[in-house]
């Protein structure tokens, strides 16, 4: 029940959640610029500031979107599915 309340709390404050996530992404990019040594990068894109932070964030977004699509495509069933 606590998880349901947490989800409802976050959904009610969606704009704040989005702003916090964007702020965290900006902090990760800033930390990448300041703390990570780019001299020994293996590929050209690794020299870009915040590449791995943005790559990880976009990877999570893609996983969420694909999971929701997959769930709505057939995995999710009605609650009375077994009653028939």
N, C-alpha and C. Protein backbone atom coordinates (compact mmCIF):
# COMPACT_ATOMS: atom_id res chain seq x y z
N UNK A 1 0.81 -1.20 0.00
CA UNK A 1 0.00 0.00 0.00
C UNK A 1 0.85 1.26 0.00
N UNK A 2 2.02 1.20 0.63
CA UNK A 2 2.87 2.37 0.67
C UNK A 2 3.36 2.74 -0.73
N UNK A 3 3.61 1.73 -1.57
CA UNK A 3 4.07 1.98 -2.93
C UNK A 3 2.99 2.67 -3.75
N UNK A 4 1.75 2.28 -3.56
CA UNK A 4 0.63 2.90 -4.27
C UNK A 4 0.51 4.37 -3.86
N UNK A 5 0.65 4.64 -2.57
CA UNK A 5 0.59 6.02 -2.10
C UNK A 5 1.74 6.85 -2.66
N UNK A 6 2.93 6.25 -2.76
CA UNK A 6 4.08 6.95 -3.32
C UNK A 6 3.84 7.29 -4.79
N UNK A 7 3.32 6.34 -5.55
CA UNK A 7 3.04 6.57 -6.97
C UNK A 7 1.99 7.66 -7.13
N UNK A 8 0.95 7.63 -6.34
CA UNK A 8 -0.08 8.67 -6.40
C UNK A 8 0.50 10.03 -6.04
N UNK A 9 1.38 10.06 -5.03
CA UNK A 9 2.02 11.30 -4.62
C UNK A 9 2.86 11.88 -5.75
N UNK A 10 3.65 11.02 -6.41
CA UNK A 10 4.50 11.48 -7.50
C UNK A 10 3.69 11.89 -8.74
N UNK A 11 2.62 11.18 -9.03
CA UNK A 11 1.77 11.55 -10.17
C UNK A 11 1.09 12.89 -9.96
N UNK A 12 0.74 13.20 -8.72
CA UNK A 12 0.10 14.47 -8.42
C UNK A 12 1.08 15.62 -8.59
N UNK A 13 2.37 15.34 -8.52
CA UNK A 13 3.40 16.37 -8.64
C UNK A 13 4.32 16.07 -9.81
N UNK A 14 3.75 15.74 -10.97
CA UNK A 14 4.52 15.29 -12.13
C UNK A 14 5.49 16.35 -12.63
N UNK A 15 5.07 17.61 -12.68
CA UNK A 15 5.97 18.66 -13.16
C UNK A 15 7.19 18.80 -12.26
N UNK A 16 6.99 18.67 -10.96
CA UNK A 16 8.11 18.74 -10.02
C UNK A 16 9.05 17.56 -10.21
N UNK A 17 8.50 16.38 -10.42
CA UNK A 17 9.32 15.19 -10.64
C UNK A 17 10.15 15.36 -11.91
N UNK A 18 9.55 15.89 -12.97
CA UNK A 18 10.28 16.10 -14.22
C UNK A 18 11.40 17.12 -14.02
N UNK A 19 11.12 18.19 -13.30
CA UNK A 19 12.16 19.20 -13.04
C UNK A 19 13.30 18.63 -12.21
N UNK A 20 12.98 17.82 -11.22
CA UNK A 20 14.02 17.20 -10.39
C UNK A 20 14.88 16.26 -11.23
N UNK A 21 14.26 15.47 -12.10
CA UNK A 21 15.01 14.56 -12.96
C UNK A 21 15.91 15.32 -13.92
N UNK A 22 15.42 16.40 -14.50
CA UNK A 22 16.25 17.21 -15.39
C UNK A 22 17.39 17.87 -14.62
N UNK A 23 17.14 18.29 -13.40
CA UNK A 23 18.19 18.85 -12.56
C UNK A 23 19.27 17.82 -12.23
N UNK A 24 18.84 16.60 -11.92
CA UNK A 24 19.81 15.54 -11.65
C UNK A 24 20.64 15.21 -12.88
N UNK A 25 20.00 15.21 -14.05
CA UNK A 25 20.73 14.97 -15.29
C UNK A 25 21.76 16.08 -15.51
N UNK A 26 21.37 17.33 -15.25
CA UNK A 26 22.31 18.44 -15.40
C UNK A 26 23.48 18.31 -14.42
N UNK A 27 23.20 17.87 -13.20
CA UNK A 27 24.29 17.66 -12.23
C UNK A 27 25.23 16.54 -12.67
N UNK A 28 24.67 15.49 -13.25
CA UNK A 28 25.51 14.40 -13.75
C UNK A 28 26.40 14.86 -14.89
N UNK A 29 25.84 15.67 -15.79
CA UNK A 29 26.63 16.20 -16.90
C UNK A 29 27.73 17.11 -16.36
N UNK A 30 27.39 17.94 -15.39
CA UNK A 30 28.39 18.82 -14.78
C UNK A 30 29.49 18.02 -14.09
N UNK A 31 29.13 16.98 -13.38
CA UNK A 31 30.12 16.11 -12.73
C UNK A 31 30.99 15.43 -13.78
N UNK A 32 30.39 15.05 -14.90
CA UNK A 32 31.14 14.43 -15.98
C UNK A 32 32.16 15.41 -16.56
N UNK A 33 31.75 16.66 -16.70
CA UNK A 33 32.66 17.68 -17.24
C UNK A 33 33.83 17.91 -16.30
N UNK A 34 33.55 17.96 -15.01
CA UNK A 34 34.57 18.32 -14.03
C UNK A 34 35.43 17.13 -13.61
N UNK A 35 34.83 15.98 -13.38
CA UNK A 35 35.53 14.88 -12.72
C UNK A 35 36.10 13.80 -13.63
N UNK A 36 35.55 13.64 -14.82
CA UNK A 36 35.93 12.50 -15.66
C UNK A 36 37.06 12.89 -16.62
N UNK A 37 38.10 12.06 -16.66
CA UNK A 37 39.22 12.28 -17.56
C UNK A 37 38.86 11.71 -18.94
N UNK A 38 38.87 12.55 -19.95
CA UNK A 38 38.46 12.14 -21.30
C UNK A 38 39.67 11.78 -22.19
N UNK A 39 40.84 11.83 -21.64
CA UNK A 39 42.05 11.62 -22.44
C UNK A 39 42.13 10.20 -23.01
N UNK A 40 41.64 9.22 -22.27
CA UNK A 40 41.77 7.83 -22.69
C UNK A 40 40.45 7.25 -23.19
N UNK A 41 39.59 8.08 -23.77
CA UNK A 41 38.31 7.59 -24.28
C UNK A 41 38.55 6.68 -25.48
N UNK A 42 37.69 5.68 -25.63
CA UNK A 42 37.86 4.71 -26.70
C UNK A 42 37.25 5.16 -28.03
N UNK A 43 36.17 5.91 -27.98
CA UNK A 43 35.50 6.36 -29.20
C UNK A 43 35.38 7.88 -29.20
N UNK A 44 35.05 8.43 -30.36
CA UNK A 44 34.95 9.88 -30.49
C UNK A 44 33.80 10.45 -29.67
N UNK A 45 32.67 9.73 -29.59
CA UNK A 45 31.52 10.27 -28.85
C UNK A 45 31.78 10.34 -27.35
N UNK A 46 32.71 9.56 -26.84
CA UNK A 46 33.04 9.60 -25.42
C UNK A 46 33.74 10.89 -25.02
N UNK A 47 34.24 11.63 -25.99
CA UNK A 47 34.85 12.92 -25.71
C UNK A 47 33.81 14.01 -25.49
N UNK A 48 32.54 13.76 -25.86
CA UNK A 48 31.47 14.74 -25.66
C UNK A 48 31.14 14.85 -24.18
N UNK A 49 30.86 16.07 -23.76
CA UNK A 49 30.51 16.31 -22.35
C UNK A 49 29.19 15.64 -22.02
N UNK A 50 29.18 14.86 -20.99
CA UNK A 50 27.95 14.25 -20.50
C UNK A 50 27.39 13.15 -21.37
N UNK A 51 28.18 12.60 -22.25
CA UNK A 51 27.66 11.57 -23.18
C UNK A 51 27.05 10.40 -22.42
N UNK A 52 27.78 9.84 -21.46
CA UNK A 52 27.28 8.66 -20.76
C UNK A 52 26.10 8.97 -19.87
N UNK A 53 26.03 10.17 -19.34
CA UNK A 53 24.87 10.56 -18.52
C UNK A 53 23.62 10.64 -19.39
N UNK A 54 23.74 11.30 -20.52
CA UNK A 54 22.60 11.43 -21.43
C UNK A 54 22.24 10.07 -22.03
N UNK A 55 23.25 9.28 -22.39
CA UNK A 55 23.02 7.96 -22.95
C UNK A 55 22.26 7.07 -21.96
N UNK A 56 22.66 7.08 -20.70
CA UNK A 56 21.98 6.29 -19.68
C UNK A 56 20.56 6.77 -19.44
N UNK A 57 20.37 8.09 -19.40
CA UNK A 57 19.04 8.64 -19.20
C UNK A 57 18.12 8.26 -20.36
N UNK A 58 18.59 8.44 -21.58
CA UNK A 58 17.77 8.09 -22.75
C UNK A 58 17.51 6.58 -22.82
N UNK A 59 18.49 5.78 -22.39
CA UNK A 59 18.29 4.34 -22.34
C UNK A 59 17.17 3.96 -21.38
N UNK A 60 17.12 4.61 -20.23
CA UNK A 60 16.04 4.36 -19.26
C UNK A 60 14.69 4.77 -19.84
N UNK A 61 14.65 5.90 -20.51
CA UNK A 61 13.40 6.37 -21.12
C UNK A 61 12.92 5.37 -22.17
N UNK A 62 13.83 4.87 -23.00
CA UNK A 62 13.45 3.90 -24.03
C UNK A 62 12.95 2.62 -23.39
N UNK A 63 13.60 2.14 -22.33
CA UNK A 63 13.16 0.92 -21.65
C UNK A 63 11.75 1.09 -21.08
N UNK A 64 11.46 2.25 -20.50
CA UNK A 64 10.13 2.50 -19.95
C UNK A 64 9.09 2.53 -21.04
N UNK A 65 9.36 3.22 -22.14
CA UNK A 65 8.39 3.31 -23.24
C UNK A 65 8.13 1.95 -23.86
N UNK A 66 9.18 1.18 -24.11
CA UNK A 66 9.02 -0.16 -24.70
C UNK A 66 8.27 -1.08 -23.74
N UNK A 67 8.56 -0.98 -22.45
CA UNK A 67 7.87 -1.83 -21.46
C UNK A 67 6.38 -1.51 -21.41
N UNK A 68 6.05 -0.22 -21.43
CA UNK A 68 4.64 0.16 -21.42
C UNK A 68 3.94 -0.32 -22.69
N UNK A 69 4.60 -0.18 -23.84
CA UNK A 69 4.00 -0.64 -25.10
C UNK A 69 3.81 -2.16 -25.06
N UNK A 70 4.82 -2.87 -24.59
CA UNK A 70 4.75 -4.32 -24.52
C UNK A 70 3.64 -4.77 -23.58
N UNK A 71 3.49 -4.07 -22.47
CA UNK A 71 2.43 -4.40 -21.52
C UNK A 71 1.05 -4.18 -22.10
N UNK A 72 0.87 -3.08 -22.79
CA UNK A 72 -0.45 -2.80 -23.38
C UNK A 72 -0.71 -3.66 -24.62
N UNK A 73 0.33 -4.20 -25.23
CA UNK A 73 0.16 -5.02 -26.43
C UNK A 73 -0.39 -6.40 -26.13
N UNK A 74 -0.41 -6.82 -24.88
CA UNK A 74 -0.97 -8.14 -24.64
C UNK A 74 -0.68 -8.75 -23.29
N UNK A 75 0.29 -8.25 -22.58
CA UNK A 75 0.61 -8.84 -21.29
C UNK A 75 -0.45 -8.49 -20.25
N UNK A 76 -0.89 -7.23 -20.23
CA UNK A 76 -1.89 -6.81 -19.24
C UNK A 76 -3.26 -7.38 -19.62
N UNK A 77 -3.93 -7.96 -18.67
CA UNK A 77 -5.25 -8.54 -18.87
C UNK A 77 -6.24 -7.91 -17.90
N UNK A 78 -7.51 -8.12 -18.18
CA UNK A 78 -8.54 -7.64 -17.26
C UNK A 78 -8.42 -8.39 -15.93
N UNK A 79 -8.97 -7.81 -14.89
CA UNK A 79 -8.90 -8.46 -13.57
C UNK A 79 -9.72 -9.75 -13.52
N UNK A 80 -10.78 -9.84 -14.31
CA UNK A 80 -11.61 -11.03 -14.29
C UNK A 80 -11.21 -12.02 -15.39
N UNK A 81 -9.97 -11.97 -15.82
CA UNK A 81 -9.48 -12.82 -16.91
C UNK A 81 -9.66 -14.30 -16.61
N UNK A 82 -9.39 -14.73 -15.38
CA UNK A 82 -9.47 -16.15 -15.03
C UNK A 82 -10.88 -16.59 -14.67
N UNK A 83 -11.80 -15.66 -14.54
CA UNK A 83 -13.16 -16.02 -14.17
C UNK A 83 -13.94 -16.59 -15.35
N UNK A 84 -13.50 -16.38 -16.54
CA UNK A 84 -14.24 -16.85 -17.73
C UNK A 84 -14.11 -18.32 -17.97
